[in-house]
Amino acid sequence: MLKAYGDNTPNIVDNIRNNLNWQGVRDVFYLSIKDLLLEKKTPAEVAAGIDQSCNTALSIGRGKEK
């Protein structure tokens, strides 16, 4: 469904505020939340992981922008 959503982006309102690599951010965020809910990681570990992984995903997006 995400591919269909992405393919339809010319027809939708920008609800992601031009976030660079939003799919990458979403992917790493939800994996981290999954680890939290399954108690594989502590809240502090998840928070640190989200910070690092989302920043990395955004950096990748910035690199593709150029």
C-alpha atoms as a PDB file:
ATOM      1  CA  MET A   1       0.000   0.000   0.000  1.00  0.00           C
ATOM      2  CA  LEU A   2       2.886   2.396   0.610  1.00  0.00           C
ATOM      3  CA  LYS A   3       3.964   2.137  -3.024  1.00  0.00           C
ATOM      4  CA  ALA A   4       0.413   2.987  -4.146  1.00  0.00           C
ATOM      5  CA  TYR A   5       0.411   5.907  -1.720  1.00  0.00           C
ATOM      6  CA  GLY A   6       3.753   7.113  -3.045  1.00  0.00           C
ATOM      7  CA  ASP A   7       2.648   6.755  -6.657  1.00  0.00           C
ATOM      8  CA  ASN A   8      -0.397   8.894  -5.882  1.00  0.00           C
ATOM      9  CA  THR A   9       1.562  11.781  -4.330  1.00  0.00           C
ATOM     10  CA  PRO A  10       0.963  14.184  -7.240  1.00  0.00           C
ATOM     11  CA  ASN A  11      -2.732  14.026  -6.336  1.00  0.00           C
ATOM     12  CA  ILE A  12      -2.553  14.575  -2.589  1.00  0.00           C
ATOM     13  CA  VAL A  13      -1.939  17.418  -0.176  1.00  0.00           C
ATOM     14  CA  ASP A  14       1.626  17.559   1.174  1.00  0.00           C
ATOM     15  CA  ASN A  15       1.083  16.274   4.686  1.00  0.00           C
ATOM     16  CA  ILE A  16       4.748  15.481   5.301  1.00  0.00           C
ATOM     17  CA  ARG A  17       6.005  19.038   4.872  1.00  0.00           C
ATOM     18  CA  ASN A  18       8.566  18.025   2.254  1.00  0.00           C
ATOM     19  CA  ASN A  19      10.348  15.843   4.784  1.00  0.00           C
ATOM     20  CA  LEU A  20      13.393  14.434   3.010  1.00  0.00           C
ATOM     21  CA  ASN A  21      13.332  10.622   2.908  1.00  0.00           C
ATOM     22  CA  TRP A  22      10.067  10.392   4.835  1.00  0.00           C
ATOM     23  CA  GLN A  23       9.771   6.702   4.011  1.00  0.00           C
ATOM     24  CA  GLY A  24      13.169   6.008   5.544  1.00  0.00           C
ATOM     25  CA  VAL A  25      12.222   7.945   8.680  1.00  0.00           C
ATOM     26  CA  ARG A  26       8.925   6.091   8.929  1.00  0.00           C
ATOM     27  CA  ASP A  27      10.613   2.717   8.480  1.00  0.00           C
ATOM     28  CA  VAL A  28      13.175   3.184  11.247  1.00  0.00           C
ATOM     29  CA  PHE A  29      10.667   4.843  13.585  1.00  0.00           C
ATOM     30  CA  TYR A  30       8.195   1.978  13.448  1.00  0.00           C
ATOM     31  CA  LEU A  31      10.896  -0.674  13.879  1.00  0.00           C
ATOM     32  CA  SER A  32      12.030   1.130  17.019  1.00  0.00           C
ATOM     33  CA  ILE A  33       8.494   1.351  18.372  1.00  0.00           C
ATOM     34  CA  LYS A  34       8.062  -2.362  17.684  1.00  0.00           C
ATOM     35  CA  ASP A  35      11.154  -3.107  19.790  1.00  0.00           C
ATOM     36  CA  LEU A  36       9.704  -0.991  22.586  1.00  0.00           C
ATOM     37  CA  LEU A  37       6.314  -2.687  22.513  1.00  0.00           C
ATOM     38  CA  LEU A  38       7.906  -6.146  22.438  1.00  0.00           C
ATOM     39  CA  GLU A  39      10.115  -5.065  25.365  1.00  0.00           C
ATOM     40  CA  LYS A  40      13.268  -5.853  23.394  1.00  0.00           C
ATOM     41  CA  LYS A  41      14.647  -2.410  24.263  1.00  0.00           C
ATOM     42  CA  THR A  42      14.145   0.095  27.056  1.00  0.00           C
ATOM     43  CA  PRO A  43      12.456   3.434  26.400  1.00  0.00           C
ATOM     44  CA  ALA A  44      15.842   5.154  26.687  1.00  0.00           C
ATOM     45  CA  GLU A  45      17.414   2.790  24.148  1.00  0.00           C
ATOM     46  CA  VAL A  46      14.509   3.284  21.752  1.00  0.00           C
ATOM     47  CA  ALA A  47      14.659   7.065  22.114  1.00  0.00           C
ATOM     48  CA  ALA A  48      18.397   7.084  21.368  1.00  0.00           C
ATOM     49  CA  GLY A  49      17.901   4.714  18.449  1.00  0.00           C
ATOM     50  CA  ILE A  50      15.101   6.800  16.983  1.00  0.00           C
ATOM     51  CA  ASP A  51      17.211   9.941  17.277  1.00  0.00           C
ATOM     52  CA  GLN A  52      20.196   8.349  15.557  1.00  0.00           C
ATOM     53  CA  SER A  53      18.331   6.371  12.893  1.00  0.00           C
ATOM     54  CA  CYS A  54      15.918   9.153  11.938  1.00  0.00           C
ATOM     55  CA  ASN A  55      18.778  11.646  11.662  1.00  0.00           C
ATOM     56  CA  THR A  56      20.629   9.177   9.427  1.00  0.00           C
ATOM     57  CA  ALA A  57      17.536   8.735   7.233  1.00  0.00           C
ATOM     58  CA  LEU A  58      17.156  12.508   6.941  1.00  0.00           C
ATOM     59  CA  SER A  59      20.832  12.852   6.017  1.00  0.00           C
ATOM     60  CA  ILE A  60      20.348  10.324   3.246  1.00  0.00           C
ATOM     61  CA  GLY A  61      17.367  12.344   2.014  1.00  0.00           C
ATOM     62  CA  ARG A  62      19.400  15.545   2.046  1.00  0.00           C
ATOM     63  CA  GLY A  63      22.089  13.839  -0.018  1.00  0.00           C
ATOM     64  CA  LYS A  64      19.568  12.813  -2.647  1.00  0.00           C
ATOM     65  CA  GLU A  65      18.166  16.344  -2.824  1.00  0.00           C
ATOM     66  CA  LYS A  66      21.359  17.740  -4.330  1.00  0.00           C
END
